[in-house]
Amino acid sequence: MLKDYSSFGPAYRNFQVREEVYVPEPAAEFSGDNPFTKMAPIRGELKDIKFDGTYTYLDKSLKFKIIHFFIYFFTWILAFPLNKIRYGIRIEGREKIRRNRKLFANGVMTVCNHVHRWDMICVLQAMRYRKAWIPMYAQPFRGKDGFVMKAIGGIAIPEERSGLREFDKALDELHAAKQWIHIFPESCSWKFYAPLRPFKIGAFNMAYRYDLPIIPMIISYRPRTGWRKLFLKDEPLLTIHVGEPIVPDLNAPRKEEASRMRNVAHKTMLDLAGIISNPWPSNID
């Protein structure tokens, strides 16, 4: 008999998973009406930064390249093992990346649910030792974490129309260099939220524009066991699932194809996580 999660709040309405799937207690009172409500606070005093045509979206200075290198170096040698210790990260389906590596010769886009401060670390571990560039909301770049967000590859999405040309130029350069791009299509983080929220269409328009295969990933949860129960008792262990790549059909109209890829990615991620009934559709456009 499937468990009823309605007691978790309206954001879990009609939510059902396979019997073996673990669903943690809600970490916050999530909105049952607006899946794009920003839940994560911006840490620290906000800096006065304008994300317009004057902002440097892709820093190509030697100083930034050195910082970028060392941020990834310490991510690989410190954050990866720490993520294993703290959250027991498991990766399922990574062989799909290896098996399709020729498909990714000109770059790729990864998408994942946005549910944890370290979810990008989980994505990077699934990708093994690859780097990724990550378009993000601009506002958090003004806070305490802005430096690290940019150093690891975050690219602020402009808040003013005058910044769109420079933002697009940065992405054009990354695509020309065959870089990997990651996007959280749910747009904002809901800590340890188990259902899958609707996706913004921008990621899939971008995949079509650059002819990028999409690798869908989703983070699911496991109860704490053994010695890991001694710390972070209220936080579950994590598993990241990797799906088969979704390839754009450039013979189809962009709008229709972007919508198709969004639907396929959403459905694939639901299946990977063992979600039988989800409160949200793939989109609420």
C-alpha atoms as a PDB file:
ATOM      1  CA  MET A   1       0.000   0.000   0.000  1.00  0.00           C
ATOM      2  CA  LEU A   2       1.395   3.396  -1.013  1.00  0.00           C
ATOM      3  CA  LYS A   3       2.007   5.961   1.728  1.00  0.00           C
ATOM      4  CA  ASP A   4      -0.043   9.164   1.876  1.00  0.00           C
ATOM      5  CA  TYR A   5       2.162  12.289   2.112  1.00  0.00           C
ATOM      6  CA  SER A   6      -0.652  14.854   2.331  1.00  0.00           C
ATOM      7  CA  SER A   7       0.304  15.548   5.977  1.00  0.00           C
ATOM      8  CA  PHE A   8       3.553  17.080   4.661  1.00  0.00           C
ATOM      9  CA  GLY A   9       1.604  20.061   3.297  1.00  0.00           C
ATOM     10  CA  PRO A  10      -0.046  21.253   0.062  1.00  0.00           C
ATOM     11  CA  ALA A  11       3.224  21.058  -1.890  1.00  0.00           C
ATOM     12  CA  TYR A  12       3.010  17.250  -1.496  1.00  0.00           C
ATOM     13  CA  ARG A  13      -0.570  16.901  -2.758  1.00  0.00           C
ATOM     14  CA  ASN A  14      -1.180  13.652  -4.663  1.00  0.00           C
ATOM     15  CA  PHE A  15       2.500  12.720  -4.214  1.00  0.00           C
ATOM     16  CA  GLN A  16       3.263   9.011  -4.376  1.00  0.00           C
ATOM     17  CA  VAL A  17       6.468   7.027  -4.788  1.00  0.00           C
ATOM     18  CA  ARG A  18       7.398   3.384  -5.137  1.00  0.00           C
ATOM     19  CA  GLU A  19       7.397   1.512  -1.831  1.00  0.00           C
ATOM     20  CA  GLU A  20      11.192   1.345  -1.572  1.00  0.00           C
ATOM     21  CA  VAL A  21      11.660   5.119  -2.070  1.00  0.00           C
ATOM     22  CA  TYR A  22      12.453   7.176   1.042  1.00  0.00           C
ATOM     23  CA  VAL A  23      10.842  10.608   1.435  1.00  0.00           C
ATOM     24  CA  PRO A  24      12.344  12.847   4.149  1.00  0.00           C
ATOM     25  CA  GLU A  25      10.297  15.081   6.416  1.00  0.00           C
ATOM     26  CA  PRO A  26       9.922  18.584   4.905  1.00  0.00           C
ATOM     27  CA  ALA A  27      12.824  20.911   5.752  1.00  0.00           C
ATOM     28  CA  ALA A  28      10.540  23.951   5.425  1.00  0.00           C
ATOM     29  CA  GLU A  29       6.939  24.901   4.749  1.00  0.00           C
ATOM     30  CA  PHE A  30       6.932  24.851   0.961  1.00  0.00           C
ATOM     31  CA  SER A  31       4.503  26.831  -1.145  1.00  0.00           C
ATOM     32  CA  GLY A  32       1.663  24.794  -2.564  1.00  0.00           C
ATOM     33  CA  ASP A  33       0.812  27.461  -5.157  1.00  0.00           C
ATOM     34  CA  ASN A  34       4.059  28.843  -6.564  1.00  0.00           C
ATOM     35  CA  PRO A  35       6.811  26.298  -7.302  1.00  0.00           C
ATOM     36  CA  PHE A  36       9.241  29.110  -8.109  1.00  0.00           C
ATOM     37  CA  THR A  37       9.111  30.718  -4.658  1.00  0.00           C
ATOM     38  CA  LYS A  38      12.686  31.475  -3.579  1.00  0.00           C
ATOM     39  CA  MET A  39      13.269  29.677  -0.278  1.00  0.00           C
ATOM     40  CA  ALA A  40      17.051  29.937   0.228  1.00  0.00           C
ATOM     41  CA  PRO A  41      18.156  33.191   1.927  1.00  0.00           C
ATOM     42  CA  ILE A  42      21.036  35.194   0.484  1.00  0.00           C
ATOM     43  CA  ARG A  43      23.865  35.182   2.994  1.00  0.00           C
ATOM     44  CA  GLY A  44      25.731  38.306   4.035  1.00  0.00           C
ATOM     45  CA  GLU A  45      25.398  41.979   3.198  1.00  0.00           C
ATOM     46  CA  LEU A  46      24.317  42.619  -0.385  1.00  0.00           C
ATOM     47  CA  LYS A  47      26.824  44.335  -2.667  1.00  0.00           C
ATOM     48  CA  ASP A  48      25.814  46.994  -5.149  1.00  0.00           C
ATOM     49  CA  ILE A  49      26.380  45.151  -8.436  1.00  0.00           C
ATOM     50  CA  LYS A  50      24.530  45.954 -11.662  1.00  0.00           C
ATOM     51  CA  PHE A  51      23.902  43.000 -13.956  1.00  0.00           C
ATOM     52  CA  ASP A  52      23.579  45.012 -17.126  1.00  0.00           C
ATOM     53  CA  GLY A  53      25.692  45.552 -20.242  1.00  0.00           C
ATOM     54  CA  THR A  54      28.708  46.652 -18.179  1.00  0.00           C
ATOM     55  CA  TYR A  55      28.962  43.500 -16.068  1.00  0.00           C
ATOM     56  CA  THR A  56      31.608  40.865 -16.878  1.00  0.00           C
ATOM     57  CA  TYR A  57      29.602  37.663 -17.351  1.00  0.00           C
ATOM     58  CA  LEU A  58      32.560  35.553 -18.440  1.00  0.00           C
ATOM     59  CA  ASP A  59      35.803  36.630 -16.788  1.00  0.00           C
ATOM     60  CA  LYS A  60      38.747  35.755 -19.036  1.00  0.00           C
ATOM     61  CA  SER A  61      41.467  37.357 -16.912  1.00  0.00           C
ATOM     62  CA  LEU A  62      44.506  35.347 -15.800  1.00  0.00           C
ATOM     63  CA  LYS A  63      43.563  35.990 -12.163  1.00  0.00           C
ATOM     64  CA  PHE A  64      40.136  34.441 -12.634  1.00  0.00           C
ATOM     65  CA  LYS A  65      41.539  31.450 -14.540  1.00  0.00           C
ATOM     66  CA  ILE A  66      43.903  30.712 -11.642  1.00  0.00           C
ATOM     67  CA  ILE A  67      41.108  31.047  -9.067  1.00  0.00           C
ATOM     68  CA  HIS A  68      38.796  28.901 -11.223  1.00  0.00           C
ATOM     69  CA  PHE A  69      41.428  26.179 -11.473  1.00  0.00           C
ATOM     70  CA  PHE A  70      42.076  26.050  -7.737  1.00  0.00           C
ATOM     71  CA  ILE A  71      38.361  26.137  -6.854  1.00  0.00           C
ATOM     72  CA  TYR A  72      37.844  23.019  -8.974  1.00  0.00           C
ATOM     73  CA  PHE A  73      41.020  21.429  -7.690  1.00  0.00           C
ATOM     74  CA  PHE A  74      39.860  21.761  -4.080  1.00  0.00           C
ATOM     75  CA  THR A  75      36.347  20.701  -5.062  1.00  0.00           C
ATOM     76  CA  TRP A  76      37.735  17.479  -6.483  1.00  0.00           C
ATOM     77  CA  ILE A  77      40.147  16.642  -3.650  1.00  0.00           C
ATOM     78  CA  LEU A  78      38.154  17.992  -0.676  1.00  0.00           C
ATOM     79  CA  ALA A  79      34.449  18.490  -1.458  1.00  0.00           C
ATOM     80  CA  PHE A  80      34.012  15.158  -3.251  1.00  0.00           C
ATOM     81  CA  PRO A  81      35.275  13.048  -0.307  1.00  0.00           C
ATOM     82  CA  LEU A  82      33.461  15.279   2.193  1.00  0.00           C
ATOM     83  CA  ASN A  83      30.200  14.845   0.278  1.00  0.00           C
ATOM     84  CA  LYS A  84      30.710  11.090   0.499  1.00  0.00           C
ATOM     85  CA  ILE A  85      31.303  11.296   4.250  1.00  0.00           C
ATOM     86  CA  ARG A  86      28.492  13.744   5.089  1.00  0.00           C
ATOM     87  CA  TYR A  87      25.795  12.657   2.638  1.00  0.00           C
ATOM     88  CA  GLY A  88      26.899   9.182   1.560  1.00  0.00           C
ATOM     89  CA  ILE A  89      26.532  10.250  -2.065  1.00  0.00           C
ATOM     90  CA  ARG A  90      25.730   7.409  -4.429  1.00  0.00           C
ATOM     91  CA  ILE A  91      25.734   7.714  -8.211  1.00  0.00           C
ATOM     92  CA  GLU A  92      23.471   5.515 -10.309  1.00  0.00           C
ATOM     93  CA  GLY A  93      23.651   5.410 -14.097  1.00  0.00           C
ATOM     94  CA  ARG A  94      26.983   7.169 -14.603  1.00  0.00           C
ATOM     95  CA  GLU A  95      27.898   4.565 -17.227  1.00  0.00           C
ATOM     96  CA  LYS A  96      25.396   6.356 -19.521  1.00  0.00           C
ATOM     97  CA  ILE A  97      27.767   9.311 -19.673  1.00  0.00           C
ATOM     98  CA  ARG A  98      30.718   7.088 -20.518  1.00  0.00           C
ATOM     99  CA  ARG A  99      28.722   5.106 -23.079  1.00  0.00           C
ATOM    100  CA  ASN A 100      27.588   8.239 -24.927  1.00  0.00           C
ATOM    101  CA  ARG A 101      30.822  10.259 -24.684  1.00  0.00           C
ATOM    102  CA  LYS A 102      31.085  10.606 -28.491  1.00  0.00           C
ATOM    103  CA  LEU A 103      27.675  12.295 -28.470  1.00  0.00           C
ATOM    104  CA  PHE A 104      29.075  14.942 -26.120  1.00  0.00           C
ATOM    105  CA  ALA A 105      32.095  15.849 -28.251  1.00  0.00           C
ATOM    106  CA  ASN A 106      30.776  19.362 -28.932  1.00  0.00           C
ATOM    107  CA  GLY A 107      29.477  19.980 -25.424  1.00  0.00           C
ATOM    108  CA  VAL A 108      26.475  18.948 -23.389  1.00  0.00           C
ATOM    109  CA  MET A 109      23.886  20.323 -20.983  1.00  0.00           C
ATOM    110  CA  THR A 110      23.064  18.670 -17.682  1.00  0.00           C
ATOM    111  CA  VAL A 111      19.869  19.380 -15.733  1.00  0.00           C
ATOM    112  CA  CYS A 112      18.999  18.381 -12.177  1.00  0.00           C
ATOM    113  CA  ASN A 113      16.494  19.137  -9.432  1.00  0.00           C
ATOM    114  CA  HIS A 114      17.611  21.958  -7.099  1.00  0.00           C
ATOM    115  CA  VAL A 115      17.266  20.673  -3.536  1.00  0.00           C
ATOM    116  CA  HIS A 116      20.440  21.213  -1.569  1.00  0.00           C
ATOM    117  CA  ARG A 117      23.336  23.586  -1.016  1.00  0.00           C
ATOM    118  CA  TRP A 118      25.688  20.902  -2.329  1.00  0.00           C
ATOM    119  CA  ASP A 119      23.556  19.620  -5.206  1.00  0.00           C
ATOM    120  CA  MET A 120      26.015  21.042  -7.739  1.00  0.00           C
ATOM    121  CA  ILE A 121      28.762  19.020  -6.056  1.00  0.00           C
ATOM    122  CA  CYS A 122      26.593  15.928  -6.599  1.00  0.00           C
ATOM    123  CA  VAL A 123      26.230  16.796 -10.299  1.00  0.00           C
ATOM    124  CA  LEU A 124      29.992  17.297 -10.671  1.00  0.00           C
ATOM    125  CA  GLN A 125      30.654  13.951  -9.007  1.00  0.00           C
ATOM    126  CA  ALA A 126      28.252  12.267 -11.414  1.00  0.00           C
ATOM    127  CA  MET A 127      30.136  13.919 -14.280  1.00  0.00           C
ATOM    128  CA  ARG A 128      33.388  12.688 -12.723  1.00  0.00           C
ATOM    129  CA  TYR A 129      36.239  15.171 -13.161  1.00  0.00           C
ATOM    130  CA  ARG A 130      34.593  17.590 -15.570  1.00  0.00           C
ATOM    131  CA  LYS A 131      33.859  21.277 -15.137  1.00  0.00           C
ATOM    132  CA  ALA A 132      30.552  22.959 -15.848  1.00  0.00           C
ATOM    133  CA  TRP A 133      29.342  26.518 -16.358  1.00  0.00           C
ATOM    134  CA  ILE A 134      26.108  27.358 -14.578  1.00  0.00           C
ATOM    135  CA  PRO A 135      23.682  30.173 -15.493  1.00  0.00           C
ATOM    136  CA  MET A 136      22.155  31.383 -12.204  1.00  0.00           C
ATOM    137  CA  TYR A 137      19.872  34.068 -10.818  1.00  0.00           C
ATOM    138  CA  ALA A 138      21.906  37.256 -10.409  1.00  0.00           C
ATOM    139  CA  GLN A 139      20.732  38.289  -6.940  1.00  0.00           C
ATOM    140  CA  PRO A 140      22.770  35.699  -4.935  1.00  0.00           C
ATOM    141  CA  PHE A 141      25.951  36.954  -6.619  1.00  0.00           C
ATOM    142  CA  ARG A 142      25.562  40.088  -4.497  1.00  0.00           C
ATOM    143  CA  GLY A 143      25.813  38.087  -1.273  1.00  0.00           C
ATOM    144  CA  LYS A 144      28.524  36.354   0.713  1.00  0.00           C
ATOM    145  CA  ASP A 145      28.609  33.339  -1.622  1.00  0.00           C
ATOM    146  CA  GLY A 146      28.883  35.377  -4.814  1.00  0.00           C
ATOM    147  CA  PHE A 147      32.651  35.003  -5.127  1.00  0.00           C
ATOM    148  CA  VAL A 148      32.555  31.204  -4.886  1.00  0.00           C
ATOM    149  CA  MET A 149      29.514  30.997  -7.178  1.00  0.00           C
ATOM    150  CA  LYS A 150      31.356  32.873  -9.897  1.00  0.00           C
ATOM    151  CA  ALA A 151      34.650  31.079  -9.306  1.00  0.00           C
ATOM    152  CA  ILE A 152      33.099  27.628  -9.758  1.00  0.00           C
ATOM    153  CA  GLY A 153      31.556  28.690 -13.068  1.00  0.00           C
ATOM    154  CA  GLY A 154      28.399  30.578 -12.192  1.00  0.00           C
ATOM    155  CA  ILE A 155      27.194  33.027 -14.836  1.00  0.00           C
ATOM    156  CA  ALA A 156      24.725  35.618 -13.611  1.00  0.00           C
ATOM    157  CA  ILE A 157      21.557  35.923 -15.669  1.00  0.00           C
ATOM    158  CA  PRO A 158      21.215  39.647 -16.441  1.00  0.00           C
ATOM    159  CA  GLU A 159      18.534  41.645 -14.684  1.00  0.00           C
ATOM    160  CA  GLU A 160      18.428  44.330 -17.359  1.00  0.00           C
ATOM    161  CA  ARG A 161      17.899  43.967 -21.102  1.00  0.00           C
ATOM    162  CA  SER A 162      21.167  45.765 -21.763  1.00  0.00           C
ATOM    163  CA  GLY A 163      23.003  42.746 -20.337  1.00  0.00           C
ATOM    164  CA  LEU A 164      21.449  40.145 -22.621  1.00  0.00           C
ATOM    165  CA  ARG A 165      23.918  40.694 -25.458  1.00  0.00           C
ATOM    166  CA  GLU A 166      26.953  40.204 -23.198  1.00  0.00           C
ATOM    167  CA  PHE A 167      25.319  37.187 -21.503  1.00  0.00           C
ATOM    168  CA  ASP A 168      24.610  35.569 -24.885  1.00  0.00           C
ATOM    169  CA  LYS A 169      28.138  36.362 -26.012  1.00  0.00           C
ATOM    170  CA  ALA A 170      29.543  34.560 -22.963  1.00  0.00           C
ATOM    171  CA  LEU A 171      27.462  31.474 -23.725  1.00  0.00           C
ATOM    172  CA  ASP A 172      28.457  31.607 -27.402  1.00  0.00           C
ATOM    173  CA  GLU A 173      32.115  31.516 -26.361  1.00  0.00           C
ATOM    174  CA  LEU A 174      31.583  28.618 -23.985  1.00  0.00           C
ATOM    175  CA  HIS A 175      29.756  26.655 -26.677  1.00  0.00           C
ATOM    176  CA  ALA A 176      32.496  27.375 -29.202  1.00  0.00           C
ATOM    177  CA  ALA A 177      34.970  25.958 -26.671  1.00  0.00           C
ATOM    178  CA  LYS A 178      32.783  22.816 -26.325  1.00  0.00           C
ATOM    179  CA  GLN A 179      32.229  23.390 -22.619  1.00  0.00           C
ATOM    180  CA  TRP A 180      29.630  21.610 -20.493  1.00  0.00           C
ATOM    181  CA  ILE A 181      26.735  23.708 -19.198  1.00  0.00           C
ATOM    182  CA  HIS A 182      24.558  22.909 -16.209  1.00  0.00           C
ATOM    183  CA  ILE A 183      21.126  24.385 -15.450  1.00  0.00           C
ATOM    184  CA  PHE A 184      18.698  23.852 -12.586  1.00  0.00           C
ATOM    185  CA  PRO A 185      15.429  24.194 -14.553  1.00  0.00           C
ATOM    186  CA  GLU A 186      13.366  24.446 -11.344  1.00  0.00           C
ATOM    187  CA  SER A 187      15.183  27.813 -11.030  1.00  0.00           C
ATOM    188  CA  CYS A 188      15.444  28.007  -7.205  1.00  0.00           C
ATOM    189  CA  SER A 189      16.361  25.646  -4.386  1.00  0.00           C
ATOM    190  CA  TRP A 190      13.854  23.910  -2.070  1.00  0.00           C
ATOM    191  CA  LYS A 191      15.878  22.036   0.536  1.00  0.00           C
ATOM    192  CA  PHE A 192      15.338  18.252   0.420  1.00  0.00           C
ATOM    193  CA  TYR A 193      12.005  18.615  -1.382  1.00  0.00           C
ATOM    194  CA  ALA A 194      11.109  15.205  -2.804  1.00  0.00           C
ATOM    195  CA  PRO A 195       8.581  16.000  -5.598  1.00  0.00           C
ATOM    196  CA  LEU A 196       9.834  17.410  -8.889  1.00  0.00           C
ATOM    197  CA  ARG A 197       8.756  20.973  -9.630  1.00  0.00           C
ATOM    198  CA  PRO A 198       7.912  22.427 -13.075  1.00  0.00           C
ATOM    199  CA  PHE A 199      10.751  23.437 -15.383  1.00  0.00           C
ATOM    200  CA  LYS A 200      11.482  26.812 -16.901  1.00  0.00           C
ATOM    201  CA  ILE A 201      11.760  26.607 -20.688  1.00  0.00           C
ATOM    202  CA  GLY A 202      15.015  28.596 -20.978  1.00  0.00           C
ATOM    203  CA  ALA A 203      17.328  25.612 -20.497  1.00  0.00           C
ATOM    204  CA  PHE A 204      15.671  23.721 -23.332  1.00  0.00           C
ATOM    205  CA  ASN A 205      15.654  26.716 -25.669  1.00  0.00           C
ATOM    206  CA  MET A 206      19.387  26.965 -25.001  1.00  0.00           C
ATOM    207  CA  ALA A 207      19.917  23.275 -25.732  1.00  0.00           C
ATOM    208  CA  TYR A 208      18.109  23.689 -29.049  1.00  0.00           C
ATOM    209  CA  ARG A 209      20.013  26.867 -29.929  1.00  0.00           C
ATOM    210  CA  TYR A 210      23.411  25.216 -29.388  1.00  0.00           C
ATOM    211  CA  ASP A 211      22.395  21.684 -30.447  1.00  0.00           C
ATOM    212  CA  LEU A 212      23.384  20.315 -27.031  1.00  0.00           C
ATOM    213  CA  PRO A 213      22.347  16.849 -25.852  1.00  0.00           C
ATOM    214  CA  ILE A 214      20.711  17.033 -22.415  1.00  0.00           C
ATOM    215  CA  ILE A 215      21.656  14.651 -19.599  1.00  0.00           C
ATOM    216  CA  PRO A 216      18.798  14.531 -17.051  1.00  0.00           C
ATOM    217  CA  MET A 217      19.800  13.896 -13.430  1.00  0.00           C
ATOM    218  CA  ILE A 218      17.780  13.814 -10.219  1.00  0.00           C
ATOM    219  CA  ILE A 219      18.711  13.631  -6.551  1.00  0.00           C
ATOM    220  CA  SER A 220      16.699  11.310  -4.322  1.00  0.00           C
ATOM    221  CA  TYR A 221      17.092  10.482  -0.635  1.00  0.00           C
ATOM    222  CA  ARG A 222      17.962   7.683   1.751  1.00  0.00           C
ATOM    223  CA  PRO A 223      17.603   7.527   5.543  1.00  0.00           C
ATOM    224  CA  ARG A 224      20.738   7.996   7.620  1.00  0.00           C
ATOM    225  CA  THR A 225      22.246   4.725   8.763  1.00  0.00           C
ATOM    226  CA  GLY A 226      25.224   3.540  10.801  1.00  0.00           C
ATOM    227  CA  TRP A 227      27.829   6.043  11.949  1.00  0.00           C
ATOM    228  CA  ARG A 228      26.343   8.794   9.751  1.00  0.00           C
ATOM    229  CA  LYS A 229      23.433   8.991  12.211  1.00  0.00           C
ATOM    230  CA  LEU A 230      25.853  10.634  14.666  1.00  0.00           C
ATOM    231  CA  PHE A 231      25.754  13.987  12.801  1.00  0.00           C
ATOM    232  CA  LEU A 232      23.397  15.942  10.509  1.00  0.00           C
ATOM    233  CA  LYS A 233      20.603  13.826  11.982  1.00  0.00           C
ATOM    234  CA  ASP A 234      17.842  15.853  10.311  1.00  0.00           C
ATOM    235  CA  GLU A 235      19.346  15.591   6.812  1.00  0.00           C
ATOM    236  CA  PRO A 236      18.985  12.537   4.552  1.00  0.00           C
ATOM    237  CA  LEU A 237      21.654  10.748   2.576  1.00  0.00           C
ATOM    238  CA  LEU A 238      21.720  11.459  -1.163  1.00  0.00           C
ATOM    239  CA  THR A 239      21.616   9.456  -4.384  1.00  0.00           C
ATOM    240  CA  ILE A 240      21.991  11.100  -7.794  1.00  0.00           C
ATOM    241  CA  HIS A 241      20.519   9.240 -10.768  1.00  0.00           C
ATOM    242  CA  VAL A 242      21.760   9.794 -14.331  1.00  0.00           C
ATOM    243  CA  GLY A 243      19.383   9.341 -17.273  1.00  0.00           C
ATOM    244  CA  GLU A 244      19.874   8.688 -20.962  1.00  0.00           C
ATOM    245  CA  PRO A 245      20.733  11.786 -23.032  1.00  0.00           C
ATOM    246  CA  ILE A 246      17.976  13.691 -24.812  1.00  0.00           C
ATOM    247  CA  VAL A 247      19.061  14.862 -28.277  1.00  0.00           C
ATOM    248  CA  PRO A 248      17.503  17.961 -29.894  1.00  0.00           C
ATOM    249  CA  ASP A 249      15.760  17.499 -33.224  1.00  0.00           C
ATOM    250  CA  LEU A 250      16.811  20.596 -35.152  1.00  0.00           C
ATOM    251  CA  ASN A 251      14.385  19.750 -37.956  1.00  0.00           C
ATOM    252  CA  ALA A 252      11.503  20.509 -35.592  1.00  0.00           C
ATOM    253  CA  PRO A 253      10.438  24.101 -34.774  1.00  0.00           C
ATOM    254  CA  ARG A 254      12.336  25.473 -31.777  1.00  0.00           C
ATOM    255  CA  LYS A 255       9.281  26.133 -29.622  1.00  0.00           C
ATOM    256  CA  GLU A 256       7.839  22.663 -30.138  1.00  0.00           C
ATOM    257  CA  GLU A 257      11.166  20.899 -29.694  1.00  0.00           C
ATOM    258  CA  ALA A 258      12.082  22.801 -26.530  1.00  0.00           C
ATOM    259  CA  SER A 259       8.700  21.855 -25.067  1.00  0.00           C
ATOM    260  CA  ARG A 260       9.195  18.200 -26.049  1.00  0.00           C
ATOM    261  CA  MET A 261      12.658  18.048 -24.457  1.00  0.00           C
ATOM    262  CA  ARG A 262      11.334  19.636 -21.273  1.00  0.00           C
ATOM    263  CA  ASN A 263       8.537  17.059 -21.044  1.00  0.00           C
ATOM    264  CA  VAL A 264      10.887  14.153 -21.722  1.00  0.00           C
ATOM    265  CA  ALA A 265      13.446  15.384 -19.180  1.00  0.00           C
ATOM    266  CA  HIS A 266      10.776  15.846 -16.511  1.00  0.00           C
ATOM    267  CA  LYS A 267       9.256  12.402 -17.129  1.00  0.00           C
ATOM    268  CA  THR A 268      12.685  10.735 -17.211  1.00  0.00           C
ATOM    269  CA  MET A 269      13.640  12.294 -13.880  1.00  0.00           C
ATOM    270  CA  LEU A 270      10.363  11.223 -12.254  1.00  0.00           C
ATOM    271  CA  ASP A 271      10.982   7.648 -13.382  1.00  0.00           C
ATOM    272  CA  LEU A 272      14.598   7.670 -12.175  1.00  0.00           C
ATOM    273  CA  ALA A 273      13.532   8.841  -8.701  1.00  0.00           C
ATOM    274  CA  GLY A 274      10.695   6.312  -8.427  1.00  0.00           C
ATOM    275  CA  ILE A 275       7.988   8.983  -8.354  1.00  0.00           C
ATOM    276  CA  ILE A 276       4.621   7.527  -9.374  1.00  0.00           C
ATOM    277  CA  SER A 277       2.400  10.589  -8.886  1.00  0.00           C
ATOM    278  CA  ASN A 278       3.812  14.128  -8.786  1.00  0.00           C
ATOM    279  CA  PRO A 279       2.094  17.308  -7.535  1.00  0.00           C
ATOM    280  CA  TRP A 280       3.413  19.385 -10.430  1.00  0.00           C
ATOM    281  CA  PRO A 281       3.281  19.121 -14.238  1.00  0.00           C
ATOM    282  CA  SER A 282       6.436  19.615 -16.292  1.00  0.00           C
ATOM    283  CA  ASN A 283       5.514  23.262 -16.877  1.00  0.00           C
ATOM    284  CA  ILE A 284       3.116  26.002 -15.806  1.00  0.00           C
ATOM    285  CA  ASP A 285       3.757  28.376 -18.719  1.00  0.00           C
END
